[in-house]
Amino acid sequence: MLGPGGTVFMVNDNVRYGGEEVPVDLILSDLARSFGLAVERIWTLPRGKGNSSQQMSAYGRSELRKCVYQWRKPAPGAGSIARGRQGK
């Protein structure tokens, strides 16, 4: 359980489904906001990841973002400031 003022760090990749990129970083951050967490930062790592072999055979190789998220649970009485997406 995350206490007030606590911070969450998570690493995740975006994915490709049916040839379309799914922005997992933005979707999960929107979900975190809906649960009352402030999105402090989203760092885009300098090297992404490739799509699956099944996707490559149908759509070619395309590098996808790999990100580190920082979310914070605001302390009681503190305003929730969502700083938005940062990084590359």
Protein backbone atom coordinates (compact mmCIF):
# COMPACT_ATOMS: atom_id res chain seq x y z
CA MET A 1 0.00 0.00 0.00
CA LEU A 2 1.30 3.44 -0.93
CA GLY A 3 1.16 6.01 1.86
CA PRO A 4 0.59 9.76 1.44
CA GLY A 5 3.65 11.40 -0.12
CA GLY A 6 4.86 7.98 -1.36
CA THR A 7 6.43 7.53 -4.77
CA VAL A 8 6.10 4.75 -7.35
CA PHE A 9 8.71 4.04 -10.04
CA MET A 10 7.92 1.60 -12.83
CA VAL A 11 9.58 0.54 -16.09
CA ASN A 12 7.45 -0.50 -19.04
CA ASP A 13 7.46 -0.72 -22.84
CA ASN A 14 4.95 0.39 -25.39
CA VAL A 15 3.62 -2.38 -27.62
CA ARG A 16 2.38 -2.85 -31.16
CA TYR A 17 -0.90 -4.62 -31.87
CA GLY A 18 -2.16 -5.21 -35.40
CA GLY A 19 0.53 -2.86 -36.69
CA GLU A 20 -0.58 0.04 -34.45
CA GLU A 21 1.53 1.34 -31.56
CA VAL A 22 -0.25 1.25 -28.20
CA PRO A 23 1.06 4.08 -25.95
CA VAL A 24 1.16 2.06 -22.72
CA ASP A 25 3.13 4.84 -20.97
CA LEU A 26 0.36 7.38 -21.51
CA ILE A 27 -2.50 4.94 -20.86
CA LEU A 28 -1.04 3.78 -17.52
CA SER A 29 -0.30 7.37 -16.48
CA ASP A 30 -3.91 8.38 -17.23
CA LEU A 31 -5.04 5.41 -15.12
CA ALA A 32 -2.69 6.47 -12.29
CA ARG A 33 -4.19 9.99 -12.38
CA SER A 34 -7.70 8.52 -12.17
CA PHE A 35 -6.62 6.81 -8.92
CA GLY A 36 -5.39 10.12 -7.49
CA LEU A 37 -1.67 9.81 -8.23
CA ALA A 38 0.30 12.76 -9.57
CA VAL A 39 2.39 11.96 -12.65
CA GLU A 40 5.74 13.48 -11.73
CA ARG A 41 7.76 12.34 -14.75
CA ILE A 42 7.88 9.93 -17.65
CA TRP A 43 11.44 9.35 -18.81
CA THR A 44 11.94 7.89 -22.27
CA LEU A 45 14.98 5.63 -22.27
CA PRO A 46 17.48 6.28 -25.08
CA ARG A 47 17.10 2.80 -26.50
CA GLY A 48 13.65 1.39 -27.21
CA LYS A 49 12.62 -2.15 -27.97
CA GLY A 50 11.66 -3.92 -31.16
CA ASN A 51 8.27 -5.39 -31.88
CA SER A 52 7.56 -9.14 -31.79
CA SER A 53 8.60 -11.48 -34.60
CA GLN A 54 4.93 -11.98 -35.51
CA GLN A 55 4.49 -8.20 -35.93
CA MET A 56 7.79 -7.86 -37.84
CA SER A 57 6.79 -10.41 -40.46
CA ALA A 58 3.56 -8.53 -41.16
CA TYR A 59 4.54 -4.88 -40.54
CA GLY A 60 8.34 -4.65 -40.51
CA ARG A 61 10.61 -3.70 -37.62
CA SER A 62 9.80 -0.58 -35.67
CA GLU A 63 11.40 0.57 -32.42
CA LEU A 64 8.97 1.29 -29.58
CA ARG A 65 9.41 3.56 -26.55
CA LYS A 66 10.65 2.13 -23.28
CA CYS A 67 9.86 4.39 -20.33
CA VAL A 68 10.35 4.87 -16.60
CA TYR A 69 7.40 6.41 -14.77
CA GLN A 70 7.43 8.35 -11.52
CA TRP A 71 4.06 8.74 -9.82
CA ARG A 72 3.39 10.25 -6.39
CA LYS A 73 0.50 9.97 -3.96
CA PRO A 74 -0.13 13.53 -2.73
CA ALA A 75 0.03 14.19 0.99
CA PRO A 76 -3.29 15.20 2.58
CA GLY A 77 -4.08 18.83 1.82
CA ALA A 78 -1.41 19.04 -0.91
CA GLY A 79 -2.52 19.90 -4.41
CA SER A 80 -2.08 17.29 -7.11
CA ILE A 81 0.15 18.69 -9.83
CA ALA A 82 0.42 16.61 -12.98
CA ARG A 83 3.54 17.79 -14.74
CA GLY A 84 2.91 15.87 -17.92
CA ARG A 85 5.22 13.86 -20.12
CA GLN A 86 8.90 14.62 -19.99
CA GLY A 87 11.85 13.03 -21.68
CA LYS A 88 12.89 12.38 -25.22
